[in-house]
Protein backbone atom coordinates (compact mmCIF):
# COMPACT_ATOMS: atom_id res chain seq x y z
CA UNK A 1 -73.03 -42.74 183.88
CA UNK A 2 -71.78 -40.07 186.25
CA UNK A 3 -73.82 -36.93 186.74
CA UNK A 4 -72.18 -33.70 185.66
CA UNK A 5 -70.54 -31.95 188.62
CA UNK A 6 -72.58 -28.79 188.08
CA UNK A 7 -75.56 -30.72 189.44
CA UNK A 8 -74.05 -30.32 192.89
CA UNK A 9 -75.26 -26.74 192.81
CA UNK A 10 -78.55 -27.20 190.98
CA UNK A 11 -82.07 -27.41 192.27
CA UNK A 12 -82.26 -31.12 191.61
CA UNK A 13 -79.20 -31.76 193.74
CA UNK A 14 -81.69 -31.22 196.57
CA UNK A 15 -83.68 -34.12 195.19
CA UNK A 16 -80.58 -36.27 195.03
CA UNK A 17 -79.67 -35.20 198.54
CA UNK A 18 -83.11 -36.34 199.69
CA UNK A 19 -82.45 -39.76 198.13
CA UNK A 20 -79.01 -39.99 199.73
CA UNK A 21 -80.33 -39.05 203.18
CA UNK A 22 -83.52 -41.09 202.97
CA UNK A 23 -84.25 -43.07 206.11
CA UNK A 24 -86.40 -45.70 204.37
CA UNK A 25 -85.48 -46.76 200.84
CA UNK A 26 -87.06 -49.20 198.42
CA UNK A 27 -84.58 -50.65 195.90
CA UNK A 28 -85.98 -52.38 192.84
CA UNK A 29 -83.64 -54.69 190.93
CA UNK A 30 -84.52 -55.72 187.38
CA UNK A 31 -84.34 -59.19 185.87
CA UNK A 32 -81.48 -58.30 183.55
CA UNK A 33 -79.34 -57.34 186.56
CA UNK A 34 -79.71 -60.79 188.12
CA UNK A 35 -80.20 -63.34 185.36
CA UNK A 36 -79.17 -64.30 181.84
CA UNK A 37 -80.84 -66.52 179.27
CA UNK A 38 -77.80 -68.79 179.10
CA UNK A 39 -76.90 -69.21 182.76
CA UNK A 40 -79.98 -68.31 184.74
CA UNK A 41 -79.35 -66.63 188.09
CA UNK A 42 -75.99 -64.84 188.40
CA UNK A 43 -75.11 -65.08 192.09
CA UNK A 44 -71.95 -63.00 191.61
CA UNK A 45 -73.95 -60.00 190.43
CA UNK A 46 -76.53 -60.61 193.14
CA UNK A 47 -73.77 -60.56 195.80
CA UNK A 48 -72.54 -57.18 194.56
CA UNK A 49 -76.06 -55.78 194.81
CA UNK A 50 -76.47 -57.22 198.30
CA UNK A 51 -73.15 -55.59 199.24
CA UNK A 52 -74.49 -52.19 198.15
CA UNK A 53 -77.77 -52.67 200.03
CA UNK A 54 -75.98 -53.81 203.18
CA UNK A 55 -73.65 -50.79 203.05
CA UNK A 56 -76.68 -48.49 202.87
CA UNK A 57 -78.28 -50.27 205.82
CA UNK A 58 -75.11 -50.00 207.89
CA UNK A 59 -75.09 -46.29 207.12
CA UNK A 60 -78.42 -46.04 208.93
CA UNK A 61 -81.10 -46.57 206.31
CA UNK A 62 -83.92 -49.09 206.31
CA UNK A 63 -84.00 -50.88 202.93
CA UNK A 64 -86.69 -53.01 201.28
CA UNK A 65 -85.66 -54.91 198.15
CA UNK A 66 -88.08 -55.52 195.29
CA UNK A 67 -86.43 -58.24 193.26
CA UNK A 68 -87.36 -59.31 189.76
CA UNK A 69 -85.81 -62.40 188.25
CA UNK A 70 -87.97 -65.34 189.34
CA UNK A 71 -89.01 -66.32 185.83
CA UNK A 72 -85.52 -65.60 184.46
CA UNK A 73 -83.94 -67.70 187.21
CA UNK A 74 -86.20 -70.64 186.30
CA UNK A 75 -85.49 -70.72 182.56
CA UNK A 76 -82.09 -72.43 182.53
CA UNK A 77 -82.96 -75.15 185.09
CA UNK A 78 -86.02 -76.04 182.99
CA UNK A 79 -84.05 -76.05 179.74
CA UNK A 80 -85.89 -73.05 178.30
CA UNK A 81 -83.92 -70.85 175.92
CA UNK A 82 -86.19 -67.79 175.99
CA UNK A 83 -88.81 -66.16 178.16
CA UNK A 84 -92.10 -68.04 177.62
CA UNK A 85 -95.19 -66.31 176.33
CA UNK A 86 -97.89 -68.60 177.70
CA UNK A 87 -99.04 -68.14 181.30
CA UNK A 88 -98.65 -71.76 182.40
CA UNK A 89 -94.98 -71.92 181.40
CA UNK A 90 -94.28 -68.54 182.99
CA UNK A 91 -95.80 -69.81 186.22
CA UNK A 92 -93.80 -73.04 186.02
CA UNK A 93 -90.58 -71.10 185.49
CA UNK A 94 -91.47 -68.78 188.38
CA UNK A 95 -92.11 -71.71 190.70
CA UNK A 96 -88.57 -72.98 190.06
CA UNK A 97 -86.91 -69.58 189.92
CA UNK A 98 -88.61 -68.16 193.00
CA UNK A 99 -87.03 -70.86 195.15
CA UNK A 100 -83.57 -70.24 193.68
CA UNK A 101 -83.94 -66.47 193.96
CA UNK A 102 -85.01 -66.54 197.61
CA UNK A 103 -82.20 -68.93 198.49
CA UNK A 104 -79.64 -66.75 196.70
CA UNK A 105 -80.75 -63.59 198.53
CA UNK A 106 -80.75 -65.43 201.85
CA UNK A 107 -77.28 -66.85 201.26
CA UNK A 108 -75.89 -63.52 200.15
CA UNK A 109 -77.16 -61.51 203.12
CA UNK A 110 -76.18 -64.31 205.50
CA UNK A 111 -72.58 -63.20 204.88
CA UNK A 112 -73.49 -60.19 207.03
CA UNK A 113 -75.56 -62.10 209.56
CA UNK A 114 -78.68 -60.59 208.02
CA UNK A 115 -81.96 -62.55 207.89
CA UNK A 116 -84.09 -62.32 204.76
CA UNK A 117 -87.87 -62.57 204.62
CA UNK A 118 -89.59 -63.19 201.29
CA UNK A 119 -92.91 -61.50 200.53
CA UNK A 120 -94.86 -62.45 197.41
CA UNK A 121 -97.59 -60.02 196.39
CA UNK A 122 -100.23 -59.87 193.68
CA UNK A 123 -102.07 -56.81 192.41
CA UNK A 124 -105.11 -58.06 194.30
CA UNK A 125 -103.21 -57.58 197.57
CA UNK A 126 -103.12 -53.84 196.88
CA UNK A 127 -106.62 -53.61 195.43
CA UNK A 128 -108.19 -55.08 198.57
CA UNK A 129 -107.78 -52.78 201.55
CA UNK A 130 -107.62 -55.63 204.07
CA UNK A 131 -104.86 -57.42 202.11
CA UNK A 132 -103.12 -54.07 201.71
CA UNK A 133 -103.03 -53.59 205.49
CA UNK A 134 -101.86 -57.16 206.09
CA UNK A 135 -98.93 -56.71 203.70
CA UNK A 136 -98.07 -53.43 205.40
CA UNK A 137 -98.05 -55.03 208.85
CA UNK A 138 -95.83 -57.89 207.67
CA UNK A 139 -93.32 -55.56 206.05
CA UNK A 140 -93.24 -53.28 209.10
CA UNK A 141 -92.72 -56.20 211.47
CA UNK A 142 -89.91 -57.71 209.39
CA UNK A 143 -88.12 -54.37 209.40
CA UNK A 144 -88.62 -53.88 213.13
CA UNK A 145 -87.00 -57.29 213.71
CA UNK A 146 -83.92 -56.26 211.74
CA UNK A 147 -84.63 -58.52 208.77
CA UNK A 148 -84.53 -57.39 205.18
CA UNK A 149 -87.70 -57.91 203.15
CA UNK A 150 -87.29 -59.16 199.58
CA UNK A 151 -90.52 -58.56 197.67
CA UNK A 152 -91.56 -60.00 194.34
CA UNK A 153 -94.75 -60.44 192.38
CA UNK A 154 -96.40 -63.78 193.05
CA UNK A 155 -95.88 -64.96 189.48
CA UNK A 156 -96.75 -68.57 190.29
CA UNK A 157 -100.42 -67.79 190.85
CA UNK A 158 -101.06 -64.34 189.33
CA UNK A 159 -103.22 -64.41 186.22
CA UNK A 160 -102.84 -61.95 183.34
CA UNK A 161 -105.90 -60.09 184.63
CA UNK A 162 -104.44 -59.42 188.10
CA UNK A 163 -100.75 -58.97 187.34
CA UNK A 164 -98.83 -55.79 188.08
CA UNK A 165 -97.31 -56.19 184.61
CA UNK A 166 -93.86 -55.22 185.82
CA UNK A 167 -91.98 -54.90 189.08
CA UNK A 168 -91.37 -51.17 188.58
CA UNK A 169 -95.00 -50.49 189.42
CA UNK A 170 -94.87 -53.01 192.25
CA UNK A 171 -91.82 -51.21 193.67
CA UNK A 172 -93.59 -47.84 193.58
CA UNK A 173 -96.62 -49.30 195.35
CA UNK A 174 -94.39 -50.94 197.97
CA UNK A 175 -92.60 -47.60 198.47
CA UNK A 176 -95.93 -46.01 199.27
CA UNK A 177 -96.95 -48.97 201.44
CA UNK A 178 -93.89 -48.70 203.72
CA UNK A 179 -93.79 -44.90 203.75
CA UNK A 180 -90.44 -44.83 201.94
CA UNK A 181 -88.45 -41.62 201.58
CA UNK A 182 -86.88 -42.70 198.29
CA UNK A 183 -87.25 -45.26 195.49
CA UNK A 184 -84.21 -46.48 193.54
CA UNK A 185 -84.84 -48.39 190.29
CA UNK A 186 -81.83 -50.43 189.17
CA UNK A 187 -81.79 -52.09 185.75
CA UNK A 188 -79.60 -52.40 182.65
CA UNK A 189 -79.90 -48.73 181.66
CA UNK A 190 -77.81 -45.83 182.97
CA UNK A 191 -80.83 -43.57 183.28
CA UNK A 192 -83.41 -41.80 181.15
CA UNK A 193 -82.69 -40.86 177.52
CA UNK A 194 -84.94 -39.08 175.05
CA UNK A 195 -84.71 -42.16 172.83
CA UNK A 196 -83.21 -45.63 172.77
CA UNK A 197 -79.39 -45.22 172.94
CA UNK A 198 -78.98 -48.72 171.51
CA UNK A 199 -80.62 -47.61 168.27
CA UNK A 200 -78.70 -44.41 167.63
CA UNK A 201 -77.96 -40.99 169.07
CA UNK A 202 -79.93 -40.21 172.22
CA UNK A 203 -79.59 -37.47 174.82
CA UNK A 204 -79.21 -38.37 178.49
CA UNK A 205 -81.64 -36.63 180.88
CA UNK A 206 -80.10 -36.32 184.37
CA UNK A 207 -83.07 -34.60 186.02
CA UNK A 208 -86.85 -34.68 185.74
CA UNK A 209 -88.54 -31.93 187.73
CA UNK A 210 -91.94 -32.25 186.05
CA UNK A 211 -93.79 -33.37 182.95
CA UNK A 212 -92.20 -30.64 180.80
CA UNK A 213 -88.83 -32.37 181.16
CA UNK A 214 -90.32 -35.43 179.45
CA UNK A 215 -91.38 -33.62 176.27
CA UNK A 216 -90.02 -35.51 173.28
CA UNK A 217 -89.03 -38.59 175.29
CA UNK A 218 -89.72 -41.87 173.50
CA UNK A 219 -90.03 -44.75 175.98
CA UNK A 220 -89.85 -48.39 174.89
CA UNK A 221 -91.00 -51.70 176.34
CA UNK A 222 -89.03 -54.43 178.10
CA UNK A 223 -86.27 -56.75 176.92
CA UNK A 224 -85.84 -60.50 176.57
CA UNK A 225 -85.86 -61.30 180.29
CA UNK A 226 -88.22 -58.73 181.75
CA UNK A 227 -91.61 -57.12 181.20
CA UNK A 228 -90.68 -53.55 182.07
CA UNK A 229 -88.74 -51.14 179.91
CA UNK A 230 -88.47 -47.37 180.08
CA UNK A 231 -92.22 -46.85 179.74
CA UNK A 232 -92.87 -48.82 182.93
CA UNK A 233 -90.10 -46.93 184.76
CA UNK A 234 -91.58 -43.57 183.81
CA UNK A 235 -94.99 -44.76 184.97
CA UNK A 236 -93.50 -45.98 188.26
CA UNK A 237 -91.71 -42.66 188.77
CA UNK A 238 -94.97 -40.78 188.30
CA UNK A 239 -96.72 -43.14 190.70
CA UNK A 240 -94.02 -42.63 193.35
CA UNK A 241 -94.09 -38.87 192.79
CA UNK A 242 -97.80 -38.88 193.63
CA UNK A 243 -96.84 -40.42 196.97
CA UNK A 244 -94.25 -37.67 197.55
CA UNK A 245 -91.33 -40.06 196.96
CA UNK A 246 -88.28 -39.00 194.87
CA UNK A 247 -86.95 -41.60 192.43
CA UNK A 248 -83.48 -42.44 191.13
CA UNK A 249 -83.23 -44.49 187.94
CA UNK A 250 -79.76 -45.97 187.44
CA UNK A 251 -77.83 -48.95 186.16
CA UNK A 252 -77.44 -51.93 188.46
CA UNK A 253 -73.72 -51.76 187.63
CA UNK A 254 -73.71 -48.40 189.44
CA UNK A 255 -75.60 -49.71 192.48
CA UNK A 256 -72.89 -48.74 194.96
CA UNK A 257 -72.94 -45.09 193.87
CA UNK A 258 -76.73 -45.04 193.54
CA UNK A 259 -77.07 -46.12 197.17
CA UNK A 260 -74.34 -43.86 198.55
CA UNK A 261 -73.70 -40.51 196.84
CA UNK A 262 -76.56 -40.71 194.32
CA UNK A 263 -74.28 -39.23 191.66
CA UNK A 264 -75.52 -41.49 188.86
CA UNK A 265 -78.60 -41.97 186.76
CA UNK A 266 -81.69 -39.81 186.43
CA UNK A 267 -83.38 -38.26 189.46
CA UNK A 268 -87.14 -37.66 189.43
CA UNK A 269 -88.47 -35.04 191.81
CA UNK A 270 -91.49 -35.84 193.96
CA UNK A 271 -94.61 -33.72 193.66
CA UNK A 272 -94.56 -31.03 196.39
CA UNK A 273 -97.96 -32.07 197.79
CA UNK A 274 -98.46 -35.81 197.98
CA UNK A 275 -101.81 -37.48 197.50
CA UNK A 276 -103.58 -38.63 200.64
CA UNK A 277 -103.34 -42.35 201.33
CA UNK A 278 -106.97 -42.87 200.31
CA UNK A 279 -106.68 -40.93 197.03
CA UNK A 280 -103.41 -42.69 196.22
CA UNK A 281 -105.15 -46.04 196.68
CA UNK A 282 -108.08 -44.95 194.49
CA UNK A 283 -105.81 -43.75 191.68
CA UNK A 284 -103.11 -46.40 191.65
CA UNK A 285 -103.95 -49.51 193.65
CA UNK A 286 -107.67 -50.13 193.61
CA UNK A 287 -109.24 -52.34 190.95
CA UNK A 288 -112.07 -50.43 189.19
CA UNK A 289 -115.27 -52.47 189.26
CA UNK A 290 -117.05 -50.55 186.53
CA UNK A 291 -117.40 -47.19 184.82
CA UNK A 292 -119.69 -44.18 184.99
CA UNK A 293 -120.21 -42.27 181.73
CA UNK A 294 -120.30 -38.48 182.03
CA UNK A 295 -121.57 -35.60 179.92
CA UNK A 296 -119.28 -32.65 179.12
CA UNK A 297 -120.54 -30.58 182.06
CA UNK A 298 -119.78 -33.34 184.54
CA UNK A 299 -116.30 -33.76 183.07
CA UNK A 300 -115.66 -30.06 183.71
CA UNK A 301 -116.99 -30.33 187.26
CA UNK A 302 -114.83 -33.35 188.01
CA UNK A 303 -111.83 -31.52 186.54
CA UNK A 304 -112.44 -28.71 189.04
CA UNK A 305 -112.56 -31.28 191.86
CA UNK A 306 -116.28 -30.95 192.48
CA UNK A 307 -118.43 -33.88 193.62
CA UNK A 308 -120.14 -35.92 190.91
CA UNK A 309 -123.93 -35.48 190.85
CA UNK A 310 -126.50 -37.66 189.11
CA UNK A 311 -127.45 -34.90 186.66
CA UNK A 312 -124.17 -35.27 184.79
CA UNK A 313 -124.31 -39.06 184.35
CA UNK A 314 -125.46 -40.48 180.99
CA UNK A 315 -124.77 -44.18 181.52
CA UNK A 316 -122.76 -46.90 183.27
CA UNK A 317 -120.66 -49.93 182.38
CA UNK A 318 -120.38 -53.07 184.49
CA UNK A 319 -121.92 -54.06 187.79
CA UNK A 320 -120.71 -52.40 190.99
CA UNK A 321 -121.78 -51.74 194.54
CA UNK A 322 -121.59 -48.80 196.92
CA UNK A 323 -118.01 -48.46 198.17
CA UNK A 324 -116.46 -49.82 194.95
CA UNK A 325 -113.98 -47.83 192.89
CA UNK A 326 -115.15 -46.90 189.38
CA UNK A 327 -113.69 -45.09 186.39
CA UNK A 328 -115.27 -41.83 185.22
CA UNK A 329 -115.40 -41.67 181.43
CA UNK A 330 -115.79 -38.60 179.20
CA UNK A 331 -118.04 -38.48 176.08
CA UNK A 332 -115.02 -39.32 173.88
CA UNK A 333 -114.23 -42.45 175.89
CA UNK A 334 -111.31 -41.11 177.94
CA UNK A 335 -110.97 -42.08 181.60
CA UNK A 336 -110.70 -38.67 183.27
CA UNK A 337 -111.01 -39.61 186.93
CA UNK A 338 -111.62 -42.42 189.38
CA UNK A 339 -113.63 -42.46 192.57
CA UNK A 340 -115.40 -44.40 195.31
CA UNK A 341 -119.06 -44.59 194.37
CA UNK A 342 -121.86 -44.19 196.90
CA UNK A 343 -124.51 -46.31 195.14
CA UNK A 344 -125.01 -49.67 193.46
CA UNK A 345 -125.10 -49.80 189.67
CA UNK A 346 -128.87 -50.45 189.68
CA UNK A 347 -129.41 -47.35 191.82
CA UNK A 348 -127.23 -45.21 189.56
CA UNK A 349 -129.24 -46.35 186.52
CA UNK A 350 -132.40 -45.00 188.17
CA UNK A 351 -130.67 -41.66 188.81
CA UNK A 352 -129.33 -40.92 185.32
CA UNK A 353 -129.54 -37.24 184.41
CA UNK A 354 -131.83 -36.35 187.32
CA UNK A 355 -131.49 -33.29 189.49
CA UNK A 356 -130.65 -33.98 193.12
CA UNK A 357 -133.86 -32.27 194.23
CA UNK A 358 -135.91 -34.72 192.12
CA UNK A 359 -134.40 -37.75 193.83
CA UNK A 360 -135.67 -39.51 196.98
CA UNK A 361 -134.16 -38.33 200.25
CA UNK A 362 -132.03 -41.50 200.43
CA UNK A 363 -130.39 -40.63 197.10
CA UNK A 364 -129.53 -36.96 197.59
CA UNK A 365 -125.89 -37.58 198.48
CA UNK A 366 -123.39 -37.01 195.66
CA UNK A 367 -122.81 -40.08 193.52
CA UNK A 368 -119.11 -39.61 194.25
CA UNK A 369 -117.99 -37.10 196.87
CA UNK A 370 -115.09 -34.81 195.99
CA UNK A 371 -113.05 -36.27 198.86
CA UNK A 372 -113.29 -39.72 197.23
CA UNK A 373 -112.47 -38.59 193.69
CA UNK A 374 -109.10 -38.23 191.98
CA UNK A 375 -108.14 -37.22 188.44
CA UNK A 376 -106.05 -39.67 186.41
């Protein structure tokens, strides 16, 4: 779907211009753009997408590809007629499809003399700071050597508890990891609508400047081949916006335009002030190890970005240690913030509701310092 020409003079055209001129771009390609239930991997469509990526790279940009499709690519070779629901069969399909997918990307980019490096990541690789840094170094080195990185979730070993859930979120995390200037999400939809256009009348939304532009939008879940859907794309766009990265959501059929003039799909503006790397990790990448239950006063203090003190804590959930990330939960059960806790769970239990001046000298630091706390 082409964007109305009046957008060339609008505020968001600046956002599109930022995507067009971006030096480092992450391009996420959905399962439906690469595979079908009947035939598995469609190398013809993959070649067209590789053509668009290569053209962007030759224009001077550095591109990282986040490719879905491993499970979809493994269905036909294994004689499966639909996406499996059980974890073992998903992993078996991924083990077959991952090989085919990597080979197809390598063969396609080889037409341009381009070397491809495959990187398989799990959510745990982002939750653990050391793994996070290792992945960053590998991606940076591949790019410095002129290779193109093709990233996918490590479906063959990821359990339900440590999965990203969809590659839209993975793509947004990778965009932050490599310091991308833009994220382009390519799938089987032309952009954002306020409803499902396949089920009736729906209005196309070419620009999203902030949350107000999403009022009334109904986002659905994924299709037969993938796990994403519009809900995951909106979540990924918000995640990228926190990192100061503009997002373009477009159809894979419009990949050439999406990667050149940006005159397709829906553009999401980045937040003007991006989260620090540490706060971004706390909010989006870290795996919470427990929860701290707050009274109403502590919820207000956290909302005003004050440090969390023991006096406002009424209980805990789970076992955690100093340096772990925990959720902060309001009296009605809502997770209102997340932070890096200073004390072990046993220590926090001994501090419940106590004034800082009543605590031993070794426990007079905030339970969570404001610098290590972020609202969710």
